[in-house]
N, C-alpha and C. Protein backbone atom coordinates (compact mmCIF):
# COMPACT_ATOMS: atom_id res chain seq x y z
N UNK A 1 -8.73 11.56 -4.03
CA UNK A 1 -8.33 11.66 -5.44
C UNK A 1 -6.98 11.00 -5.63
N UNK A 2 -6.87 10.20 -6.69
CA UNK A 2 -5.62 9.51 -6.98
C UNK A 2 -4.57 10.47 -7.52
N UNK A 3 -3.37 10.31 -7.04
CA UNK A 3 -2.24 11.06 -7.59
C UNK A 3 -2.03 10.56 -9.02
N UNK A 4 -1.82 11.46 -9.97
CA UNK A 4 -1.63 11.07 -11.36
C UNK A 4 -0.43 10.16 -11.53
N UNK A 5 0.48 10.21 -10.58
CA UNK A 5 1.71 9.44 -10.64
C UNK A 5 1.49 7.97 -10.26
N UNK A 6 0.34 7.62 -9.72
CA UNK A 6 0.14 6.26 -9.20
C UNK A 6 -0.49 5.32 -10.22
N UNK A 7 0.12 4.15 -10.35
CA UNK A 7 -0.39 3.10 -11.25
C UNK A 7 -1.57 2.40 -10.57
N UNK A 8 -2.66 2.22 -11.31
CA UNK A 8 -3.86 1.57 -10.76
C UNK A 8 -3.80 0.05 -10.89
N UNK A 9 -2.76 -0.46 -11.53
CA UNK A 9 -2.61 -1.89 -11.77
C UNK A 9 -1.63 -2.46 -10.76
N UNK A 10 -2.02 -3.49 -10.04
CA UNK A 10 -1.13 -4.12 -9.06
C UNK A 10 -0.46 -5.35 -9.66
N UNK A 11 0.74 -5.64 -9.18
CA UNK A 11 1.50 -6.84 -9.62
C UNK A 11 1.60 -6.92 -11.14
N UNK A 12 1.88 -5.79 -11.77
CA UNK A 12 1.94 -5.71 -13.23
C UNK A 12 3.18 -6.42 -13.77
N UNK A 13 2.96 -7.29 -14.76
CA UNK A 13 4.06 -7.97 -15.45
C UNK A 13 3.78 -7.94 -16.94
N UNK A 14 4.83 -7.68 -17.72
CA UNK A 14 4.76 -7.77 -19.18
C UNK A 14 5.97 -8.59 -19.62
N UNK A 15 5.70 -9.68 -20.33
CA UNK A 15 6.75 -10.63 -20.68
C UNK A 15 6.70 -10.93 -22.17
N UNK A 16 7.87 -10.89 -22.81
CA UNK A 16 7.99 -11.36 -24.19
C UNK A 16 8.58 -12.76 -24.11
N UNK A 17 8.00 -13.68 -24.87
CA UNK A 17 8.47 -15.06 -24.79
C UNK A 17 8.33 -15.77 -26.13
N UNK A 18 9.04 -16.87 -26.24
CA UNK A 18 8.88 -17.80 -27.35
C UNK A 18 8.45 -19.13 -26.76
N UNK A 19 7.75 -19.91 -27.54
CA UNK A 19 7.35 -21.24 -27.08
C UNK A 19 7.61 -22.23 -28.22
N UNK A 20 8.34 -23.28 -27.89
CA UNK A 20 8.62 -24.33 -28.86
C UNK A 20 8.49 -25.67 -28.15
N UNK A 21 7.69 -26.53 -28.70
CA UNK A 21 7.48 -27.87 -28.13
C UNK A 21 7.23 -27.80 -26.63
N UNK A 22 6.33 -26.93 -26.23
CA UNK A 22 5.93 -26.75 -24.82
C UNK A 22 7.00 -26.10 -23.94
N UNK A 23 8.17 -25.76 -24.50
CA UNK A 23 9.21 -25.08 -23.73
C UNK A 23 9.06 -23.58 -23.89
N UNK A 24 8.93 -22.88 -22.77
CA UNK A 24 8.79 -21.43 -22.78
C UNK A 24 10.16 -20.81 -22.56
N UNK A 25 10.53 -19.88 -23.42
CA UNK A 25 11.79 -19.15 -23.28
C UNK A 25 11.46 -17.67 -23.03
N UNK A 26 11.89 -17.15 -21.89
CA UNK A 26 11.61 -15.75 -21.52
C UNK A 26 12.64 -14.85 -22.18
N UNK A 27 12.19 -13.90 -22.99
CA UNK A 27 13.08 -12.98 -23.69
C UNK A 27 13.19 -11.65 -22.96
N UNK A 28 12.09 -11.21 -22.38
CA UNK A 28 12.12 -10.02 -21.53
C UNK A 28 11.05 -10.19 -20.45
N UNK A 29 11.33 -9.62 -19.30
CA UNK A 29 10.43 -9.69 -18.15
C UNK A 29 10.44 -8.32 -17.50
N UNK A 30 9.27 -7.70 -17.41
CA UNK A 30 9.19 -6.36 -16.84
C UNK A 30 8.09 -6.29 -15.79
N UNK A 31 8.37 -5.54 -14.74
CA UNK A 31 7.37 -5.28 -13.71
C UNK A 31 7.21 -3.78 -13.59
N UNK A 32 6.05 -3.37 -13.12
CA UNK A 32 5.76 -1.95 -12.95
C UNK A 32 5.17 -1.77 -11.56
N UNK A 33 5.82 -0.94 -10.74
CA UNK A 33 5.28 -0.73 -9.39
C UNK A 33 4.28 0.42 -9.38
N UNK A 34 3.63 0.64 -8.24
CA UNK A 34 2.54 1.63 -8.18
C UNK A 34 3.02 3.06 -8.39
N UNK A 35 4.33 3.30 -8.26
CA UNK A 35 4.88 4.64 -8.48
C UNK A 35 5.37 4.84 -9.91
N UNK A 36 5.13 3.86 -10.78
CA UNK A 36 5.51 4.01 -12.18
C UNK A 36 6.95 3.65 -12.48
N UNK A 37 7.57 2.85 -11.61
CA UNK A 37 8.95 2.42 -11.86
C UNK A 37 8.90 1.09 -12.61
N UNK A 38 9.51 1.07 -13.79
CA UNK A 38 9.53 -0.11 -14.66
C UNK A 38 10.88 -0.81 -14.49
N UNK A 39 10.86 -2.02 -13.94
CA UNK A 39 12.07 -2.83 -13.81
C UNK A 39 12.08 -3.86 -14.92
N UNK A 40 13.23 -4.01 -15.57
CA UNK A 40 13.34 -4.80 -16.79
C UNK A 40 14.46 -5.82 -16.71
N UNK A 41 14.15 -7.05 -17.13
CA UNK A 41 15.16 -8.09 -17.37
C UNK A 41 15.15 -8.34 -18.87
N UNK A 42 16.33 -8.32 -19.49
CA UNK A 42 16.44 -8.62 -20.92
C UNK A 42 17.40 -9.76 -21.14
N UNK A 43 16.96 -10.75 -21.87
CA UNK A 43 17.86 -11.82 -22.31
C UNK A 43 18.41 -11.35 -23.65
N UNK A 44 19.71 -11.05 -23.67
CA UNK A 44 20.32 -10.55 -24.90
C UNK A 44 21.09 -11.68 -25.59
N UNK A 45 21.68 -11.38 -26.71
CA UNK A 45 22.37 -12.41 -27.50
C UNK A 45 23.43 -13.15 -26.69
N UNK A 46 24.27 -12.41 -25.97
CA UNK A 46 25.38 -13.04 -25.25
C UNK A 46 25.24 -13.00 -23.73
N UNK A 47 24.29 -12.23 -23.22
CA UNK A 47 24.18 -12.09 -21.77
C UNK A 47 22.76 -11.67 -21.38
N UNK A 48 22.60 -11.35 -20.10
CA UNK A 48 21.34 -10.79 -19.62
C UNK A 48 21.65 -9.44 -18.98
N UNK A 49 20.65 -8.58 -18.95
CA UNK A 49 20.84 -7.25 -18.37
C UNK A 49 19.58 -6.84 -17.63
N UNK A 50 19.76 -5.98 -16.64
CA UNK A 50 18.66 -5.48 -15.81
C UNK A 50 18.67 -3.95 -15.85
N UNK A 51 17.49 -3.36 -15.99
CA UNK A 51 17.35 -1.91 -16.09
C UNK A 51 16.17 -1.45 -15.23
N UNK A 52 16.16 -0.15 -14.93
CA UNK A 52 15.04 0.45 -14.23
C UNK A 52 14.77 1.83 -14.83
N UNK A 53 13.52 2.09 -15.18
CA UNK A 53 13.11 3.36 -15.78
C UNK A 53 11.90 3.91 -15.03
N UNK A 54 11.83 5.23 -14.93
CA UNK A 54 10.69 5.89 -14.31
C UNK A 54 9.75 6.40 -15.39
N UNK A 55 8.48 6.00 -15.33
CA UNK A 55 7.49 6.51 -16.26
C UNK A 55 7.10 7.93 -15.87
N UNK A 56 6.81 8.75 -16.86
CA UNK A 56 6.33 10.11 -16.60
C UNK A 56 4.85 10.03 -16.19
N UNK A 57 4.32 11.14 -15.67
CA UNK A 57 2.89 11.19 -15.31
C UNK A 57 2.01 10.85 -16.52
N UNK A 58 2.38 11.38 -17.67
CA UNK A 58 1.61 11.15 -18.89
C UNK A 58 1.63 9.66 -19.26
N UNK A 59 2.79 9.02 -19.13
CA UNK A 59 2.91 7.59 -19.43
C UNK A 59 2.11 6.75 -18.44
N UNK A 60 2.14 7.15 -17.16
CA UNK A 60 1.37 6.44 -16.13
C UNK A 60 -0.12 6.52 -16.45
N UNK A 61 -0.58 7.70 -16.83
CA UNK A 61 -2.00 7.87 -17.18
C UNK A 61 -2.39 6.97 -18.35
N UNK A 62 -1.50 6.86 -19.32
CA UNK A 62 -1.77 6.02 -20.48
C UNK A 62 -1.85 4.54 -20.07
N UNK A 63 -0.89 4.08 -19.27
CA UNK A 63 -0.89 2.68 -18.80
C UNK A 63 -2.14 2.40 -17.97
N UNK A 64 -2.58 3.37 -17.19
CA UNK A 64 -3.77 3.19 -16.35
C UNK A 64 -5.04 2.92 -17.17
N UNK A 65 -5.01 3.25 -18.46
CA UNK A 65 -6.16 2.96 -19.32
C UNK A 65 -6.45 1.46 -19.40
N UNK A 66 -5.44 0.64 -19.10
CA UNK A 66 -5.66 -0.81 -19.08
C UNK A 66 -6.60 -1.23 -17.96
N UNK A 67 -6.80 -0.37 -16.97
CA UNK A 67 -7.66 -0.70 -15.83
C UNK A 67 -9.15 -0.46 -16.12
N UNK A 68 -9.47 0.12 -17.27
CA UNK A 68 -10.85 0.49 -17.56
C UNK A 68 -11.75 -0.67 -17.98
N UNK A 69 -11.17 -1.81 -18.31
CA UNK A 69 -11.99 -2.94 -18.75
C UNK A 69 -11.21 -4.23 -18.59
N UNK A 70 -11.71 -5.26 -19.22
CA UNK A 70 -11.03 -6.56 -19.19
C UNK A 70 -10.03 -6.63 -20.34
N UNK A 71 -8.93 -7.36 -20.13
CA UNK A 71 -7.93 -7.50 -21.19
C UNK A 71 -8.53 -8.09 -22.45
N UNK A 72 -9.46 -9.04 -22.30
CA UNK A 72 -10.10 -9.66 -23.47
C UNK A 72 -10.79 -8.63 -24.35
N UNK A 73 -11.22 -7.51 -23.75
CA UNK A 73 -11.90 -6.46 -24.52
C UNK A 73 -10.97 -5.80 -25.54
N UNK A 74 -9.65 -5.92 -25.34
CA UNK A 74 -8.68 -5.33 -26.26
C UNK A 74 -8.35 -6.25 -27.43
N UNK A 75 -8.82 -7.51 -27.37
CA UNK A 75 -8.59 -8.46 -28.47
C UNK A 75 -9.60 -8.14 -29.56
N UNK A 76 -9.11 -7.80 -30.76
CA UNK A 76 -10.01 -7.42 -31.85
C UNK A 76 -10.13 -8.51 -32.92
N UNK A 77 -9.23 -9.49 -32.88
CA UNK A 77 -9.31 -10.60 -33.83
C UNK A 77 -8.55 -11.79 -33.27
N UNK A 78 -8.86 -12.97 -33.80
CA UNK A 78 -8.21 -14.19 -33.32
C UNK A 78 -7.65 -15.03 -34.46
N UNK A 79 -7.57 -14.45 -35.64
CA UNK A 79 -7.02 -15.16 -36.80
C UNK A 79 -6.24 -14.18 -37.65
N UNK A 80 -5.16 -14.67 -38.24
CA UNK A 80 -4.42 -13.88 -39.21
C UNK A 80 -5.15 -13.95 -40.55
N UNK A 81 -4.98 -12.92 -41.36
CA UNK A 81 -5.56 -12.96 -42.70
C UNK A 81 -4.95 -14.12 -43.48
N UNK A 82 -5.69 -14.62 -44.43
CA UNK A 82 -5.19 -15.71 -45.27
C UNK A 82 -3.88 -15.26 -45.93
N UNK A 83 -2.94 -16.16 -46.04
CA UNK A 83 -1.61 -15.90 -46.61
C UNK A 83 -0.80 -14.90 -45.79
N UNK A 84 -1.15 -14.73 -44.52
CA UNK A 84 -0.39 -13.87 -43.61
C UNK A 84 0.28 -14.77 -42.58
N UNK A 85 1.53 -14.42 -42.24
CA UNK A 85 2.30 -15.22 -41.29
C UNK A 85 2.78 -14.32 -40.18
N UNK A 86 3.09 -14.92 -39.03
CA UNK A 86 3.58 -14.16 -37.89
C UNK A 86 4.88 -14.79 -37.40
N UNK A 87 5.96 -14.01 -37.45
CA UNK A 87 7.27 -14.53 -37.04
C UNK A 87 7.80 -13.82 -35.79
N UNK A 88 6.94 -13.07 -35.12
CA UNK A 88 7.37 -12.33 -33.93
C UNK A 88 7.22 -13.16 -32.66
N UNK A 89 7.57 -12.53 -31.55
CA UNK A 89 7.43 -13.18 -30.24
C UNK A 89 5.99 -13.08 -29.76
N UNK A 90 5.67 -13.92 -28.81
CA UNK A 90 4.40 -13.81 -28.10
C UNK A 90 4.63 -12.96 -26.87
N UNK A 91 3.55 -12.46 -26.32
CA UNK A 91 3.63 -11.63 -25.12
C UNK A 91 2.62 -12.13 -24.09
N UNK A 92 2.96 -11.89 -22.84
CA UNK A 92 2.08 -12.25 -21.72
C UNK A 92 1.99 -11.02 -20.83
N UNK A 93 0.77 -10.64 -20.50
CA UNK A 93 0.55 -9.52 -19.59
C UNK A 93 -0.32 -10.01 -18.43
N UNK A 94 0.01 -9.55 -17.23
CA UNK A 94 -0.72 -9.97 -16.04
C UNK A 94 -0.72 -8.81 -15.04
N UNK A 95 -1.88 -8.51 -14.49
CA UNK A 95 -1.98 -7.50 -13.43
C UNK A 95 -3.30 -7.70 -12.69
N UNK A 96 -3.40 -7.03 -11.55
CA UNK A 96 -4.63 -7.07 -10.77
C UNK A 96 -5.23 -5.66 -10.72
N UNK A 97 -6.54 -5.59 -10.87
CA UNK A 97 -7.28 -4.34 -10.69
C UNK A 97 -8.39 -4.66 -9.70
N UNK A 98 -8.39 -3.96 -8.58
CA UNK A 98 -9.31 -4.27 -7.49
C UNK A 98 -9.15 -5.75 -7.16
N UNK A 99 -10.19 -6.57 -7.30
CA UNK A 99 -10.05 -8.00 -7.00
C UNK A 99 -9.95 -8.87 -8.24
N UNK A 100 -9.82 -8.24 -9.41
CA UNK A 100 -9.75 -9.01 -10.66
C UNK A 100 -8.31 -9.24 -11.08
N UNK A 101 -7.99 -10.49 -11.38
CA UNK A 101 -6.67 -10.85 -11.87
C UNK A 101 -6.76 -10.97 -13.39
N UNK A 102 -6.16 -10.04 -14.10
CA UNK A 102 -6.23 -10.02 -15.56
C UNK A 102 -4.97 -10.66 -16.15
N UNK A 103 -5.15 -11.59 -17.09
CA UNK A 103 -4.03 -12.28 -17.74
C UNK A 103 -4.37 -12.45 -19.21
N UNK A 104 -3.34 -12.35 -20.05
CA UNK A 104 -3.56 -12.55 -21.48
C UNK A 104 -2.25 -12.86 -22.18
N UNK A 105 -2.27 -13.87 -23.05
CA UNK A 105 -1.19 -14.11 -23.99
C UNK A 105 -1.64 -13.46 -25.30
N UNK A 106 -0.76 -12.71 -25.94
CA UNK A 106 -1.20 -11.97 -27.13
C UNK A 106 -0.06 -11.74 -28.12
N UNK A 107 -0.47 -11.40 -29.34
CA UNK A 107 0.44 -10.88 -30.36
C UNK A 107 -0.17 -9.57 -30.85
N UNK A 108 0.64 -8.58 -31.20
CA UNK A 108 0.10 -7.26 -31.59
C UNK A 108 -0.95 -7.28 -32.70
N UNK A 109 -0.82 -8.12 -33.75
CA UNK A 109 -1.84 -8.06 -34.81
C UNK A 109 -3.27 -8.38 -34.34
N UNK A 110 -3.41 -9.02 -33.19
CA UNK A 110 -4.73 -9.39 -32.69
C UNK A 110 -5.32 -8.36 -31.73
N UNK A 111 -4.56 -7.32 -31.42
CA UNK A 111 -4.96 -6.38 -30.37
C UNK A 111 -5.41 -5.04 -30.95
N UNK A 112 -6.19 -4.30 -30.17
CA UNK A 112 -6.66 -2.97 -30.59
C UNK A 112 -5.49 -2.00 -30.67
N UNK A 113 -5.65 -0.95 -31.45
CA UNK A 113 -4.57 0.03 -31.59
C UNK A 113 -4.32 0.75 -30.26
N UNK A 114 -5.36 0.98 -29.46
CA UNK A 114 -5.16 1.66 -28.17
C UNK A 114 -4.32 0.79 -27.23
N UNK A 115 -4.56 -0.53 -27.24
CA UNK A 115 -3.76 -1.45 -26.43
C UNK A 115 -2.32 -1.46 -26.93
N UNK A 116 -2.14 -1.60 -28.24
CA UNK A 116 -0.79 -1.64 -28.81
C UNK A 116 -0.01 -0.36 -28.54
N UNK A 117 -0.70 0.78 -28.52
CA UNK A 117 -0.02 2.05 -28.19
C UNK A 117 0.58 2.00 -26.79
N UNK A 118 -0.16 1.44 -25.84
CA UNK A 118 0.32 1.34 -24.46
C UNK A 118 1.50 0.37 -24.38
N UNK A 119 1.37 -0.78 -25.03
CA UNK A 119 2.45 -1.78 -25.02
C UNK A 119 3.69 -1.22 -25.72
N UNK A 120 3.50 -0.51 -26.83
CA UNK A 120 4.64 0.10 -27.54
C UNK A 120 5.36 1.11 -26.66
N UNK A 121 4.60 1.90 -25.91
CA UNK A 121 5.18 2.87 -24.98
C UNK A 121 6.10 2.14 -23.99
N UNK A 122 5.62 1.03 -23.43
CA UNK A 122 6.41 0.26 -22.47
C UNK A 122 7.60 -0.42 -23.15
N UNK A 123 7.37 -0.99 -24.32
CA UNK A 123 8.46 -1.71 -25.02
C UNK A 123 9.56 -0.75 -25.46
N UNK A 124 9.20 0.48 -25.75
CA UNK A 124 10.22 1.48 -26.10
C UNK A 124 11.22 1.62 -24.95
N UNK A 125 10.72 1.62 -23.74
CA UNK A 125 11.59 1.69 -22.56
C UNK A 125 12.28 0.35 -22.31
N UNK A 126 11.53 -0.74 -22.43
CA UNK A 126 12.07 -2.08 -22.15
C UNK A 126 13.30 -2.36 -23.01
N UNK A 127 13.25 -1.99 -24.29
CA UNK A 127 14.35 -2.32 -25.20
C UNK A 127 15.34 -1.17 -25.40
N UNK A 128 15.21 -0.11 -24.63
CA UNK A 128 16.09 1.05 -24.75
C UNK A 128 17.55 0.72 -24.43
N UNK A 129 17.78 -0.12 -23.42
CA UNK A 129 19.11 -0.55 -23.00
C UNK A 129 20.02 0.64 -22.68
N UNK A 130 19.50 1.57 -21.91
CA UNK A 130 20.25 2.75 -21.49
C UNK A 130 21.20 2.35 -20.36
N UNK A 131 22.51 2.46 -20.62
CA UNK A 131 23.50 2.05 -19.61
C UNK A 131 23.35 2.79 -18.29
N UNK A 132 22.88 4.04 -18.33
CA UNK A 132 22.72 4.80 -17.09
C UNK A 132 21.55 4.27 -16.25
N UNK A 133 20.71 3.43 -16.85
CA UNK A 133 19.54 2.88 -16.13
C UNK A 133 19.78 1.44 -15.67
N UNK A 134 21.01 0.93 -15.86
CA UNK A 134 21.30 -0.45 -15.44
C UNK A 134 21.22 -0.57 -13.93
N UNK A 135 20.70 -1.70 -13.50
CA UNK A 135 20.59 -1.98 -12.06
C UNK A 135 21.14 -3.39 -11.81
N UNK A 136 21.31 -3.71 -10.54
CA UNK A 136 21.75 -5.07 -10.22
C UNK A 136 20.58 -6.04 -10.42
N UNK A 137 20.94 -7.28 -10.54
CA UNK A 137 19.96 -8.34 -10.80
C UNK A 137 18.86 -8.35 -9.74
N UNK A 138 17.62 -8.54 -10.18
CA UNK A 138 16.53 -8.72 -9.22
C UNK A 138 15.98 -10.13 -9.40
N UNK A 139 15.33 -10.62 -8.36
CA UNK A 139 14.86 -12.01 -8.35
C UNK A 139 13.63 -12.20 -9.23
N UNK A 140 13.68 -13.25 -10.04
CA UNK A 140 12.55 -13.62 -10.90
C UNK A 140 12.33 -15.11 -10.74
N UNK A 141 11.10 -15.50 -10.45
CA UNK A 141 10.77 -16.92 -10.34
C UNK A 141 10.39 -17.42 -11.73
N UNK A 142 11.41 -17.79 -12.51
CA UNK A 142 11.18 -18.20 -13.90
C UNK A 142 10.26 -19.42 -14.00
N UNK A 143 10.41 -20.37 -13.09
CA UNK A 143 9.56 -21.57 -13.15
C UNK A 143 8.09 -21.20 -12.99
N UNK A 144 7.78 -20.31 -12.04
CA UNK A 144 6.40 -19.86 -11.83
C UNK A 144 5.88 -19.11 -13.05
N UNK A 145 6.70 -18.21 -13.60
CA UNK A 145 6.30 -17.42 -14.77
C UNK A 145 6.03 -18.35 -15.96
N UNK A 146 6.93 -19.28 -16.21
CA UNK A 146 6.75 -20.21 -17.33
C UNK A 146 5.48 -21.04 -17.15
N UNK A 147 5.21 -21.46 -15.93
CA UNK A 147 4.01 -22.22 -15.61
C UNK A 147 2.76 -21.36 -15.88
N UNK A 148 2.78 -20.10 -15.41
CA UNK A 148 1.65 -19.19 -15.63
C UNK A 148 1.41 -18.98 -17.13
N UNK A 149 2.49 -18.79 -17.88
CA UNK A 149 2.38 -18.57 -19.33
C UNK A 149 1.79 -19.80 -20.01
N UNK A 150 2.27 -20.98 -19.64
CA UNK A 150 1.75 -22.21 -20.27
C UNK A 150 0.26 -22.39 -19.99
N UNK A 151 -0.16 -22.10 -18.76
CA UNK A 151 -1.59 -22.20 -18.42
C UNK A 151 -2.41 -21.22 -19.26
N UNK A 152 -1.95 -19.96 -19.33
CA UNK A 152 -2.68 -18.93 -20.07
C UNK A 152 -2.64 -19.21 -21.57
N UNK A 153 -1.54 -19.75 -22.04
CA UNK A 153 -1.38 -20.08 -23.45
C UNK A 153 -2.41 -21.12 -23.89
N UNK A 154 -2.79 -22.01 -22.98
CA UNK A 154 -3.82 -23.01 -23.29
C UNK A 154 -5.20 -22.36 -23.36
N UNK A 155 -5.41 -21.32 -22.57
CA UNK A 155 -6.68 -20.58 -22.61
C UNK A 155 -6.75 -19.73 -23.88
N UNK A 156 -5.67 -18.98 -24.14
CA UNK A 156 -5.60 -18.14 -25.35
C UNK A 156 -4.99 -18.97 -26.48
N UNK A 157 -5.67 -20.06 -26.81
CA UNK A 157 -5.10 -21.06 -27.72
C UNK A 157 -5.25 -20.71 -29.20
N UNK A 158 -5.65 -19.50 -29.51
CA UNK A 158 -5.83 -19.07 -30.89
C UNK A 158 -4.58 -18.40 -31.46
N UNK A 159 -3.53 -18.25 -30.65
CA UNK A 159 -2.32 -17.61 -31.16
C UNK A 159 -1.65 -18.51 -32.20
N UNK A 160 -1.21 -17.93 -33.32
CA UNK A 160 -0.63 -18.76 -34.37
C UNK A 160 0.78 -19.23 -34.01
N UNK A 161 1.19 -20.32 -34.63
CA UNK A 161 2.58 -20.77 -34.49
C UNK A 161 3.47 -19.75 -35.20
N UNK A 162 4.67 -19.60 -34.71
CA UNK A 162 5.63 -18.72 -35.36
C UNK A 162 6.00 -19.34 -36.70
N UNK A 163 5.87 -18.59 -37.79
CA UNK A 163 6.18 -19.15 -39.10
C UNK A 163 6.55 -18.06 -40.09
N UNK A 164 7.31 -18.45 -41.06
CA UNK A 164 7.69 -17.57 -42.16
C UNK A 164 6.88 -17.97 -43.38
N UNK A 165 6.71 -17.04 -44.31
CA UNK A 165 5.99 -17.41 -45.53
C UNK A 165 6.74 -18.51 -46.28
N UNK A 166 6.02 -19.32 -47.06
CA UNK A 166 6.70 -20.37 -47.82
C UNK A 166 7.69 -19.77 -48.82
N UNK A 167 8.73 -20.53 -49.11
CA UNK A 167 9.73 -20.07 -50.08
C UNK A 167 9.10 -20.04 -51.47
N UNK A 168 9.45 -19.01 -52.22
CA UNK A 168 8.94 -18.93 -53.60
C UNK A 168 9.80 -19.80 -54.50
N UNK A 169 9.14 -20.41 -55.46
CA UNK A 169 9.88 -21.29 -56.38
C UNK A 169 10.35 -20.54 -57.59
C-alpha cells in the first residue's frame, strides 16, 4: 500500500513561461519530489529567488489525481470564445507515471476545473514567496527546459498568442 505522503508522479516539473519570436522566457520553474517537497525558482522583477515548501498529505493526494489519466484528457477546449483574448502566461507540465512520459503546454481557460484546481494549489505555494522557505540556488538546465518547451509548444500548437483586446475608439 502506498503511503499517502508519496507522490506517484516522477520527475515532476511545472513551469510558467512566455514565448516571443521563438524565444522562451522562464518565469517560474518548480519540481516536486516523491515526498511532496516542492522546490521553486522564481524570476522576479529585479532578481531571482529559490524556495522550498512541503505539501500536506491532502495536497499530495490531490496532485496524485494527475496520475489517473493522460494530460490531454484534462484539455476541455482548444479555442478561446470569439472576442475573447488571453494576456496571461503559458504553462508547461511534465512528469512520468510508470513508463509514460506526460507533457503538456497549456493555459488555464483550456483546461478542466479539476486540473486547474490542482495547478492553483501548486501555484499558491509557488508564488507565496515566504522568506522562511527560501533556499540556496539549485541547478536548472534552462537550455534543456527551453528546448523541451519549444518542442511541446509545436505539438500543442493551438495555444493563442498573448494579446489584449483592441482599443476602443
